[in-house]
């Protein structure tokens, strides 16, 4: 089985209830849709608790579920600000269109790799961004010819939030939403 070492983490974002405002950037929440929407996305890890602990060498699984059919994008931000795009990817389970009320796990059993925890130590964030339409991430992430995961051009939460807010801005605000899961990498 192929093993990929990721220091998983990513972004923060939740919906607020402010009518007709543009996507907001916040140091704590990364990108927030200020408009209520029927589309909901949940993201969580395979350990319970608000901020579960993982140690280097542990394997982690990330779960996501949407209330309506949607394209889901999963990002990770580690404590140093390194950003990874988990979904979409070029593995068997890497398609990012998810049916309503179906729980999808990453990596999928058919993917042939694991997400292995590694340092740096500290709080990590996983951001799930769900959209009713496919998003063009070309200004943010690019796949090279043989790469299974895209290279992300954003460094840190602020830059990722800025680029994502530009990507979602043309969409009707009731057609996208975010959620965040946190976990800690500990010694």
C-alpha atoms as a PDB file:
ATOM      1  CA  UNK A   1       0.000   0.000   0.000  1.00  0.00           C
ATOM      2  CA  UNK A   2       1.348   3.374  -0.952  1.00  0.00           C
ATOM      3  CA  UNK A   3       1.776   5.742   1.981  1.00  0.00           C
ATOM      4  CA  UNK A   4       1.556   9.508   1.793  1.00  0.00           C
ATOM      5  CA  UNK A   5       2.625  11.561   4.752  1.00  0.00           C
ATOM      6  CA  UNK A   6       0.490  14.614   5.318  1.00  0.00           C
ATOM      7  CA  UNK A   7       0.397  16.971   8.157  1.00  0.00           C
ATOM      8  CA  UNK A   8      -3.308  17.404   7.871  1.00  0.00           C
ATOM      9  CA  UNK A   9      -4.886  20.595   8.817  1.00  0.00           C
ATOM     10  CA  UNK A  10      -6.730  23.310   7.052  1.00  0.00           C
ATOM     11  CA  UNK A  11      -9.076  26.106   7.241  1.00  0.00           C
ATOM     12  CA  UNK A  12     -11.852  27.356   9.292  1.00  0.00           C
ATOM     13  CA  UNK A  13     -15.218  28.467   8.144  1.00  0.00           C
ATOM     14  CA  UNK A  14     -18.817  28.489   9.278  1.00  0.00           C
ATOM     15  CA  UNK A  15     -21.969  30.160   8.080  1.00  0.00           C
ATOM     16  CA  UNK A  16     -23.159  33.382   9.687  1.00  0.00           C
ATOM     17  CA  UNK A  17     -26.552  34.927   9.183  1.00  0.00           C
ATOM     18  CA  UNK A  18     -25.906  38.309   7.582  1.00  0.00           C
ATOM     19  CA  UNK A  19     -27.974  38.936   4.465  1.00  0.00           C
ATOM     20  CA  UNK A  20     -26.478  39.772   1.072  1.00  0.00           C
ATOM     21  CA  UNK A  21     -22.861  40.282   2.076  1.00  0.00           C
ATOM     22  CA  UNK A  22     -19.752  39.160   0.198  1.00  0.00           C
ATOM     23  CA  UNK A  23     -17.640  36.248   1.428  1.00  0.00           C
ATOM     24  CA  UNK A  24     -15.864  37.377   4.566  1.00  0.00           C
ATOM     25  CA  UNK A  25     -12.277  36.706   5.589  1.00  0.00           C
ATOM     26  CA  UNK A  26     -11.525  36.217   9.247  1.00  0.00           C
ATOM     27  CA  UNK A  27      -8.272  35.161  10.973  1.00  0.00           C
ATOM     28  CA  UNK A  28     -10.163  32.548  12.978  1.00  0.00           C
ATOM     29  CA  UNK A  29     -12.685  31.396  10.398  1.00  0.00           C
ATOM     30  CA  UNK A  30     -10.774  31.795   7.086  1.00  0.00           C
ATOM     31  CA  UNK A  31     -13.732  32.199   4.699  1.00  0.00           C
ATOM     32  CA  UNK A  32     -17.317  32.579   5.826  1.00  0.00           C
ATOM     33  CA  UNK A  33     -20.526  32.642   3.823  1.00  0.00           C
ATOM     34  CA  UNK A  34     -22.646  35.260   5.599  1.00  0.00           C
ATOM     35  CA  UNK A  35     -25.894  34.095   3.973  1.00  0.00           C
ATOM     36  CA  UNK A  36     -28.040  31.216   5.282  1.00  0.00           C
ATOM     37  CA  UNK A  37     -28.257  28.335   2.825  1.00  0.00           C
ATOM     38  CA  UNK A  38     -30.081  25.018   2.564  1.00  0.00           C
ATOM     39  CA  UNK A  39     -26.805  23.425   1.486  1.00  0.00           C
ATOM     40  CA  UNK A  40     -24.847  22.212   4.506  1.00  0.00           C
ATOM     41  CA  UNK A  41     -21.500  20.442   4.685  1.00  0.00           C
ATOM     42  CA  UNK A  42     -19.983  18.633   7.648  1.00  0.00           C
ATOM     43  CA  UNK A  43     -16.362  17.569   8.010  1.00  0.00           C
ATOM     44  CA  UNK A  44     -14.831  15.508  10.829  1.00  0.00           C
ATOM     45  CA  UNK A  45     -11.980  13.132  11.608  1.00  0.00           C
ATOM     46  CA  UNK A  46     -12.049   9.508  12.722  1.00  0.00           C
ATOM     47  CA  UNK A  47     -11.367  10.429  16.370  1.00  0.00           C
ATOM     48  CA  UNK A  48     -14.042  11.935  18.587  1.00  0.00           C
ATOM     49  CA  UNK A  49     -13.749  15.144  20.540  1.00  0.00           C
ATOM     50  CA  UNK A  50     -13.495  18.830  19.745  1.00  0.00           C
ATOM     51  CA  UNK A  51      -9.738  18.787  19.019  1.00  0.00           C
ATOM     52  CA  UNK A  52      -8.660  15.125  18.957  1.00  0.00           C
ATOM     53  CA  UNK A  53      -4.977  14.316  19.398  1.00  0.00           C
ATOM     54  CA  UNK A  54      -2.915  12.471  16.779  1.00  0.00           C
ATOM     55  CA  UNK A  55       0.731  11.462  17.093  1.00  0.00           C
ATOM     56  CA  UNK A  56       3.294  11.172  14.297  1.00  0.00           C
ATOM     57  CA  UNK A  57       2.782   7.804  12.619  1.00  0.00           C
ATOM     58  CA  UNK A  58      -0.963   7.702  13.378  1.00  0.00           C
ATOM     59  CA  UNK A  59      -3.239   7.350  10.395  1.00  0.00           C
ATOM     60  CA  UNK A  60      -6.146   9.739  10.013  1.00  0.00           C
ATOM     61  CA  UNK A  61      -9.341   9.534   8.025  1.00  0.00           C
ATOM     62  CA  UNK A  62     -11.413  12.561   7.089  1.00  0.00           C
ATOM     63  CA  UNK A  63     -15.168  12.296   6.610  1.00  0.00           C
ATOM     64  CA  UNK A  64     -17.548  14.654   4.870  1.00  0.00           C
ATOM     65  CA  UNK A  65     -21.277  14.763   4.188  1.00  0.00           C
ATOM     66  CA  UNK A  66     -23.538  17.263   2.375  1.00  0.00           C
ATOM     67  CA  UNK A  67     -27.295  17.840   2.615  1.00  0.00           C
ATOM     68  CA  UNK A  68     -27.615  18.354  -1.165  1.00  0.00           C
ATOM     69  CA  UNK A  69     -25.614  17.032  -4.117  1.00  0.00           C
ATOM     70  CA  UNK A  70     -22.465  19.163  -4.231  1.00  0.00           C
ATOM     71  CA  UNK A  71     -18.842  19.448  -5.217  1.00  0.00           C
ATOM     72  CA  UNK A  72     -16.686  19.247  -2.098  1.00  0.00           C
ATOM     73  CA  UNK A  73     -13.159  20.622  -1.778  1.00  0.00           C
ATOM     74  CA  UNK A  74     -11.043  19.635   1.236  1.00  0.00           C
ATOM     75  CA  UNK A  75      -8.056  21.743   2.265  1.00  0.00           C
ATOM     76  CA  UNK A  76      -5.534  21.279   5.075  1.00  0.00           C
ATOM     77  CA  UNK A  77      -3.560  23.981   6.856  1.00  0.00           C
ATOM     78  CA  UNK A  78      -0.878  22.905   9.295  1.00  0.00           C
ATOM     79  CA  UNK A  79       0.499  25.031  12.181  1.00  0.00           C
ATOM     80  CA  UNK A  80       3.230  26.481   9.922  1.00  0.00           C
ATOM     81  CA  UNK A  81       0.680  27.597   7.292  1.00  0.00           C
ATOM     82  CA  UNK A  82       1.435  24.889   4.729  1.00  0.00           C
ATOM     83  CA  UNK A  83      -1.725  24.212   2.676  1.00  0.00           C
ATOM     84  CA  UNK A  84      -2.639  20.878   1.042  1.00  0.00           C
ATOM     85  CA  UNK A  85      -5.605  20.155  -1.218  1.00  0.00           C
ATOM     86  CA  UNK A  86      -6.922  16.707  -0.262  1.00  0.00           C
ATOM     87  CA  UNK A  87      -9.935  16.677  -2.533  1.00  0.00           C
ATOM     88  CA  UNK A  88     -10.125  16.506  -5.471  1.00  0.00           C
ATOM     89  CA  UNK A  89      -7.174  14.227  -6.178  1.00  0.00           C
ATOM     90  CA  UNK A  90      -6.184  11.651  -8.803  1.00  0.00           C
ATOM     91  CA  UNK A  91      -6.880   8.515  -6.742  1.00  0.00           C
ATOM     92  CA  UNK A  92      -9.919   6.236  -7.106  1.00  0.00           C
ATOM     93  CA  UNK A  93     -11.851   7.959  -4.307  1.00  0.00           C
ATOM     94  CA  UNK A  94     -10.645  11.409  -5.322  1.00  0.00           C
ATOM     95  CA  UNK A  95     -13.722  12.548  -7.227  1.00  0.00           C
ATOM     96  CA  UNK A  96     -15.231  15.500  -5.416  1.00  0.00           C
ATOM     97  CA  UNK A  97     -18.906  15.301  -6.463  1.00  0.00           C
ATOM     98  CA  UNK A  98     -20.778  13.925  -3.458  1.00  0.00           C
ATOM     99  CA  UNK A  99     -24.427  12.888  -3.365  1.00  0.00           C
ATOM    100  CA  UNK A 100     -26.740  14.276  -0.689  1.00  0.00           C
ATOM    101  CA  UNK A 101     -26.689  12.524   2.684  1.00  0.00           C
ATOM    102  CA  UNK A 102     -23.873  10.138   1.699  1.00  0.00           C
ATOM    103  CA  UNK A 103     -20.875  10.051   4.032  1.00  0.00           C
ATOM    104  CA  UNK A 104     -17.602   9.937   2.116  1.00  0.00           C
ATOM    105  CA  UNK A 105     -14.265   9.048   3.700  1.00  0.00           C
ATOM    106  CA  UNK A 106     -10.772  10.075   2.596  1.00  0.00           C
ATOM    107  CA  UNK A 107      -8.765   8.188   1.834  1.00  0.00           C
ATOM    108  CA  UNK A 108     -11.284   5.779   0.365  1.00  0.00           C
ATOM    109  CA  UNK A 109     -10.646   2.024   0.840  1.00  0.00           C
ATOM    110  CA  UNK A 110      -9.884   1.767  -2.905  1.00  0.00           C
ATOM    111  CA  UNK A 111      -7.315   4.587  -2.921  1.00  0.00           C
ATOM    112  CA  UNK A 112      -4.273   2.480  -2.052  1.00  0.00           C
ATOM    113  CA  UNK A 113      -2.701   5.030   0.299  1.00  0.00           C
ATOM    114  CA  UNK A 114      -3.052   6.309   3.845  1.00  0.00           C
ATOM    115  CA  UNK A 115      -2.840   9.758   5.413  1.00  0.00           C
ATOM    116  CA  UNK A 116      -0.070   9.474   7.986  1.00  0.00           C
ATOM    117  CA  UNK A 117       0.383  12.125  10.637  1.00  0.00           C
ATOM    118  CA  UNK A 118       3.759  13.880  10.835  1.00  0.00           C
ATOM    119  CA  UNK A 119       5.160  16.954  12.566  1.00  0.00           C
ATOM    120  CA  UNK A 120       4.967  19.952  12.856  1.00  0.00           C
ATOM    121  CA  UNK A 121       3.204  19.798  16.172  1.00  0.00           C
ATOM    122  CA  UNK A 122       0.192  21.926  16.929  1.00  0.00           C
ATOM    123  CA  UNK A 123      -3.355  22.645  15.825  1.00  0.00           C
ATOM    124  CA  UNK A 124      -4.395  21.665  12.321  1.00  0.00           C
ATOM    125  CA  UNK A 125      -7.493  22.674  10.412  1.00  0.00           C
ATOM    126  CA  UNK A 126      -9.441  20.856   7.737  1.00  0.00           C
ATOM    127  CA  UNK A 127     -11.715  23.047   5.623  1.00  0.00           C
ATOM    128  CA  UNK A 128     -14.575  21.605   3.612  1.00  0.00           C
ATOM    129  CA  UNK A 129     -15.963  23.917   0.945  1.00  0.00           C
ATOM    130  CA  UNK A 130     -19.153  22.636  -0.736  1.00  0.00           C
ATOM    131  CA  UNK A 131     -20.590  24.196  -3.870  1.00  0.00           C
ATOM    132  CA  UNK A 132     -23.619  23.384  -6.019  1.00  0.00           C
ATOM    133  CA  UNK A 133     -21.423  23.996  -9.090  1.00  0.00           C
ATOM    134  CA  UNK A 134     -17.865  22.909  -9.830  1.00  0.00           C
ATOM    135  CA  UNK A 135     -15.273  25.538  -8.926  1.00  0.00           C
ATOM    136  CA  UNK A 136     -12.297  26.549 -11.037  1.00  0.00           C
ATOM    137  CA  UNK A 137      -9.316  26.242  -8.692  1.00  0.00           C
ATOM    138  CA  UNK A 138      -6.681  26.939 -11.366  1.00  0.00           C
ATOM    139  CA  UNK A 139      -5.588  30.162  -9.664  1.00  0.00           C
ATOM    140  CA  UNK A 140      -5.082  28.226  -6.422  1.00  0.00           C
ATOM    141  CA  UNK A 141      -4.057  24.641  -7.224  1.00  0.00           C
ATOM    142  CA  UNK A 142      -2.495  22.815 -10.153  1.00  0.00           C
ATOM    143  CA  UNK A 143      -1.873  19.149 -10.902  1.00  0.00           C
ATOM    144  CA  UNK A 144       1.452  18.361 -12.542  1.00  0.00           C
ATOM    145  CA  UNK A 145       1.544  15.463 -15.029  1.00  0.00           C
ATOM    146  CA  UNK A 146       2.136  12.509 -12.693  1.00  0.00           C
ATOM    147  CA  UNK A 147       1.105  14.067  -9.384  1.00  0.00           C
ATOM    148  CA  UNK A 148      -1.735  12.524  -7.413  1.00  0.00           C
ATOM    149  CA  UNK A 149      -2.259  15.695  -5.356  1.00  0.00           C
ATOM    150  CA  UNK A 150      -2.270  19.273  -6.591  1.00  0.00           C
ATOM    151  CA  UNK A 151       0.311  21.891  -5.682  1.00  0.00           C
ATOM    152  CA  UNK A 152      -1.380  24.744  -3.814  1.00  0.00           C
ATOM    153  CA  UNK A 153      -0.077  28.238  -4.498  1.00  0.00           C
ATOM    154  CA  UNK A 154      -1.422  29.718  -1.253  1.00  0.00           C
ATOM    155  CA  UNK A 155       0.744  29.897   1.839  1.00  0.00           C
ATOM    156  CA  UNK A 156      -1.040  30.329   5.127  1.00  0.00           C
ATOM    157  CA  UNK A 157      -4.657  30.819   6.060  1.00  0.00           C
ATOM    158  CA  UNK A 158      -4.893  34.465   5.027  1.00  0.00           C
ATOM    159  CA  UNK A 159      -3.664  33.896   1.479  1.00  0.00           C
ATOM    160  CA  UNK A 160      -5.850  30.798   1.097  1.00  0.00           C
ATOM    161  CA  UNK A 161      -8.877  32.733   2.338  1.00  0.00           C
ATOM    162  CA  UNK A 162      -8.226  35.571  -0.098  1.00  0.00           C
ATOM    163  CA  UNK A 163      -7.924  33.213  -3.076  1.00  0.00           C
ATOM    164  CA  UNK A 164     -11.000  31.183  -2.070  1.00  0.00           C
ATOM    165  CA  UNK A 165     -13.104  34.309  -1.575  1.00  0.00           C
ATOM    166  CA  UNK A 166     -12.272  35.363  -5.153  1.00  0.00           C
ATOM    167  CA  UNK A 167     -13.194  31.888  -6.439  1.00  0.00           C
ATOM    168  CA  UNK A 168     -16.612  31.797  -4.704  1.00  0.00           C
ATOM    169  CA  UNK A 169     -17.510  35.482  -5.156  1.00  0.00           C
ATOM    170  CA  UNK A 170     -19.235  35.019  -8.576  1.00  0.00           C
ATOM    171  CA  UNK A 171     -21.502  32.284  -7.146  1.00  0.00           C
ATOM    172  CA  UNK A 172     -24.922  32.989  -5.671  1.00  0.00           C
ATOM    173  CA  UNK A 173     -24.284  32.966  -1.927  1.00  0.00           C
ATOM    174  CA  UNK A 174     -26.930  30.362  -1.225  1.00  0.00           C
ATOM    175  CA  UNK A 175     -25.020  27.881  -3.461  1.00  0.00           C
ATOM    176  CA  UNK A 176     -21.887  27.382  -1.336  1.00  0.00           C
ATOM    177  CA  UNK A 177     -20.993  26.764   2.303  1.00  0.00           C
ATOM    178  CA  UNK A 178     -18.015  25.744   4.479  1.00  0.00           C
ATOM    179  CA  UNK A 179     -17.270  23.753   7.603  1.00  0.00           C
ATOM    180  CA  UNK A 180     -14.097  23.153   9.615  1.00  0.00           C
ATOM    181  CA  UNK A 181     -12.665  20.334  11.689  1.00  0.00           C
ATOM    182  CA  UNK A 182      -9.721  20.772  14.036  1.00  0.00           C
ATOM    183  CA  UNK A 183      -7.199  18.313  15.443  1.00  0.00           C
ATOM    184  CA  UNK A 184      -3.872  18.503  17.199  1.00  0.00           C
ATOM    185  CA  UNK A 185      -0.592  16.801  16.353  1.00  0.00           C
ATOM    186  CA  UNK A 186       1.064  16.039  19.688  1.00  0.00           C
ATOM    187  CA  UNK A 187       4.311  14.417  20.830  1.00  0.00           C
END
